[in-house]
Amino acid sequence: MAFIQLDYLNAIAQAKKLETAADRCGEALKIIQNQAGSSEQFWQGNSGKAMRAKMTETASQLSAAQSELSAVAAAIRRVAEELKEADTGLATLFRR
């Protein structure tokens, strides 16, 4: 019989790193949105429009990355916690 070993604490720590990365995406997103809003007074014409279009595209990508990172982190955390709980429950049964 084969056994799967999972380091629950490491999995949860990795999920935390992903959550931190998602938070950083959110911070960068806010900065880009603020700068895009104030850029019209400094950048006008075609170059300003091109820059704002790129900022909008980047903001969209950051938002998508933030959502994906948060979802993956939540899934990893949920699975690690569920497996740990099941493993603990089974260990208790075997000790009886």
C-alpha atoms as a PDB file:
ATOM      1  CA  MET A   1       0.000   0.000   0.000  1.00  0.00           C
ATOM      2  CA  ALA A   2       1.291   3.463  -0.893  1.00  0.00           C
ATOM      3  CA  PHE A   3       1.029   6.437   1.418  1.00  0.00           C
ATOM      4  CA  ILE A   4       0.798  10.078   0.528  1.00  0.00           C
ATOM      5  CA  GLN A   5       2.594  12.334   2.956  1.00  0.00           C
ATOM      6  CA  LEU A   6       1.579  15.946   3.195  1.00  0.00           C
ATOM      7  CA  ASP A   7       3.302  18.620   5.213  1.00  0.00           C
ATOM      8  CA  TYR A   8       0.178  20.478   6.315  1.00  0.00           C
ATOM      9  CA  LEU A   9       2.005  23.390   7.887  1.00  0.00           C
ATOM     10  CA  ASN A  10       4.136  23.865   4.778  1.00  0.00           C
ATOM     11  CA  ALA A  11       1.061  23.763   2.529  1.00  0.00           C
ATOM     12  CA  ILE A  12      -0.644  26.378   4.683  1.00  0.00           C
ATOM     13  CA  ALA A  13       2.533  28.500   4.682  1.00  0.00           C
ATOM     14  CA  GLN A  14       2.656  28.322   0.890  1.00  0.00           C
ATOM     15  CA  ALA A  15      -1.000  29.367   0.752  1.00  0.00           C
ATOM     16  CA  LYS A  16      -0.090  32.354   2.931  1.00  0.00           C
ATOM     17  CA  LYS A  17       2.644  33.324   0.457  1.00  0.00           C
ATOM     18  CA  LEU A  18       0.107  33.204  -2.352  1.00  0.00           C
ATOM     19  CA  GLU A  19      -2.262  35.366  -0.309  1.00  0.00           C
ATOM     20  CA  THR A  20       0.557  37.859   0.222  1.00  0.00           C
ATOM     21  CA  ALA A  21       1.221  37.912  -3.534  1.00  0.00           C
ATOM     22  CA  ALA A  22      -2.493  38.519  -4.130  1.00  0.00           C
ATOM     23  CA  ASP A  23      -2.400  41.413  -1.656  1.00  0.00           C
ATOM     24  CA  ARG A  24       0.577  42.901  -3.498  1.00  0.00           C
ATOM     25  CA  CYS A  25      -1.326  42.656  -6.779  1.00  0.00           C
ATOM     26  CA  GLY A  26      -4.166  44.553  -5.111  1.00  0.00           C
ATOM     27  CA  GLU A  27      -1.798  47.262  -3.891  1.00  0.00           C
ATOM     28  CA  ALA A  28      -0.242  47.637  -7.341  1.00  0.00           C
ATOM     29  CA  LEU A  29      -3.722  47.744  -8.860  1.00  0.00           C
ATOM     30  CA  LYS A  30      -4.719  50.644  -6.599  1.00  0.00           C
ATOM     31  CA  ILE A  31      -1.557  52.540  -7.490  1.00  0.00           C
ATOM     32  CA  ILE A  32      -2.113  52.081 -11.228  1.00  0.00           C
ATOM     33  CA  GLN A  33      -5.750  53.126 -10.941  1.00  0.00           C
ATOM     34  CA  ASN A  34      -4.804  56.263  -8.991  1.00  0.00           C
ATOM     35  CA  GLN A  35      -2.087  57.172 -11.455  1.00  0.00           C
ATOM     36  CA  ALA A  36      -4.331  56.521 -14.438  1.00  0.00           C
ATOM     37  CA  GLY A  37      -6.933  58.844 -12.963  1.00  0.00           C
ATOM     38  CA  SER A  38      -4.488  61.692 -12.488  1.00  0.00           C
ATOM     39  CA  SER A  39      -2.503  61.107 -15.676  1.00  0.00           C
ATOM     40  CA  GLU A  40      -4.789  63.208 -17.896  1.00  0.00           C
ATOM     41  CA  GLN A  41      -3.448  66.428 -16.447  1.00  0.00           C
ATOM     42  CA  PHE A  42       0.129  65.398 -17.299  1.00  0.00           C
ATOM     43  CA  TRP A  43      -0.197  63.197 -20.397  1.00  0.00           C
ATOM     44  CA  GLN A  44      -2.416  64.383 -23.202  1.00  0.00           C
ATOM     45  CA  GLY A  45      -2.940  63.475 -26.824  1.00  0.00           C
ATOM     46  CA  ASN A  46      -2.231  60.124 -28.411  1.00  0.00           C
ATOM     47  CA  SER A  47       0.628  59.259 -26.068  1.00  0.00           C
ATOM     48  CA  GLY A  48      -1.595  59.883 -23.050  1.00  0.00           C
ATOM     49  CA  LYS A  49      -4.380  57.767 -24.515  1.00  0.00           C
ATOM     50  CA  ALA A  50      -1.934  54.954 -25.284  1.00  0.00           C
ATOM     51  CA  MET A  51      -0.498  55.094 -21.784  1.00  0.00           C
ATOM     52  CA  ARG A  52      -3.938  55.020 -20.152  1.00  0.00           C
ATOM     53  CA  ALA A  53      -4.991  52.121 -22.392  1.00  0.00           C
ATOM     54  CA  LYS A  54      -1.902  50.187 -21.286  1.00  0.00           C
ATOM     55  CA  MET A  55      -2.569  51.065 -17.654  1.00  0.00           C
ATOM     56  CA  THR A  56      -6.146  49.799 -18.023  1.00  0.00           C
ATOM     57  CA  GLU A  57      -4.883  46.569 -19.595  1.00  0.00           C
ATOM     58  CA  THR A  58      -2.325  46.118 -16.816  1.00  0.00           C
ATOM     59  CA  ALA A  59      -4.936  46.837 -14.155  1.00  0.00           C
ATOM     60  CA  SER A  60      -7.168  44.168 -15.660  1.00  0.00           C
ATOM     61  CA  GLN A  61      -4.320  41.650 -15.651  1.00  0.00           C
ATOM     62  CA  LEU A  62      -3.432  42.478 -12.040  1.00  0.00           C
ATOM     63  CA  SER A  63      -7.048  42.067 -11.003  1.00  0.00           C
ATOM     64  CA  ALA A  64      -7.239  38.673 -12.711  1.00  0.00           C
ATOM     65  CA  ALA A  65      -3.939  37.568 -11.145  1.00  0.00           C
ATOM     66  CA  GLN A  66      -5.137  38.697  -7.725  1.00  0.00           C
ATOM     67  CA  SER A  67      -8.351  36.697  -8.081  1.00  0.00           C
ATOM     68  CA  GLU A  68      -6.539  33.591  -9.292  1.00  0.00           C
ATOM     69  CA  LEU A  69      -3.902  33.760  -6.555  1.00  0.00           C
ATOM     70  CA  SER A  70      -6.581  34.171  -3.901  1.00  0.00           C
ATOM     71  CA  ALA A  71      -8.577  31.239  -5.276  1.00  0.00           C
ATOM     72  CA  VAL A  72      -5.541  28.940  -5.430  1.00  0.00           C
ATOM     73  CA  ALA A  73      -4.452  29.946  -1.928  1.00  0.00           C
ATOM     74  CA  ALA A  74      -7.931  29.271  -0.566  1.00  0.00           C
ATOM     75  CA  ALA A  75      -8.048  25.868  -2.274  1.00  0.00           C
ATOM     76  CA  ILE A  76      -4.623  24.849  -0.952  1.00  0.00           C
ATOM     77  CA  ARG A  77      -5.518  25.985   2.557  1.00  0.00           C
ATOM     78  CA  ARG A  78      -8.904  24.231   2.474  1.00  0.00           C
ATOM     79  CA  VAL A  79      -7.466  20.941   1.205  1.00  0.00           C
ATOM     80  CA  ALA A  80      -4.582  20.996   3.702  1.00  0.00           C
ATOM     81  CA  GLU A  81      -6.931  21.709   6.598  1.00  0.00           C
ATOM     82  CA  GLU A  82      -9.447  19.057   5.495  1.00  0.00           C
ATOM     83  CA  LEU A  83      -6.736  16.431   5.048  1.00  0.00           C
ATOM     84  CA  LYS A  84      -5.162  17.308   8.373  1.00  0.00           C
ATOM     85  CA  GLU A  85      -8.538  16.988  10.099  1.00  0.00           C
ATOM     86  CA  ALA A  86      -9.221  13.638   8.399  1.00  0.00           C
ATOM     87  CA  ASP A  87      -5.717  12.407   9.186  1.00  0.00           C
ATOM     88  CA  THR A  88      -6.074  13.407  12.823  1.00  0.00           C
ATOM     89  CA  GLY A  89      -9.448  11.670  13.012  1.00  0.00           C
ATOM     90  CA  LEU A  90      -8.075   8.470  11.525  1.00  0.00           C
ATOM     91  CA  ALA A  91      -5.045   8.557  13.812  1.00  0.00           C
ATOM     92  CA  THR A  92      -7.413   8.796  16.780  1.00  0.00           C
ATOM     93  CA  LEU A  93      -9.364   5.741  15.536  1.00  0.00           C
ATOM     94  CA  PHE A  94      -6.179   3.706  15.111  1.00  0.00           C
ATOM     95  CA  ARG A  95      -4.991   4.533  18.620  1.00  0.00           C
ATOM     96  CA  ARG A  96      -8.091   3.007  20.201  1.00  0.00           C
END
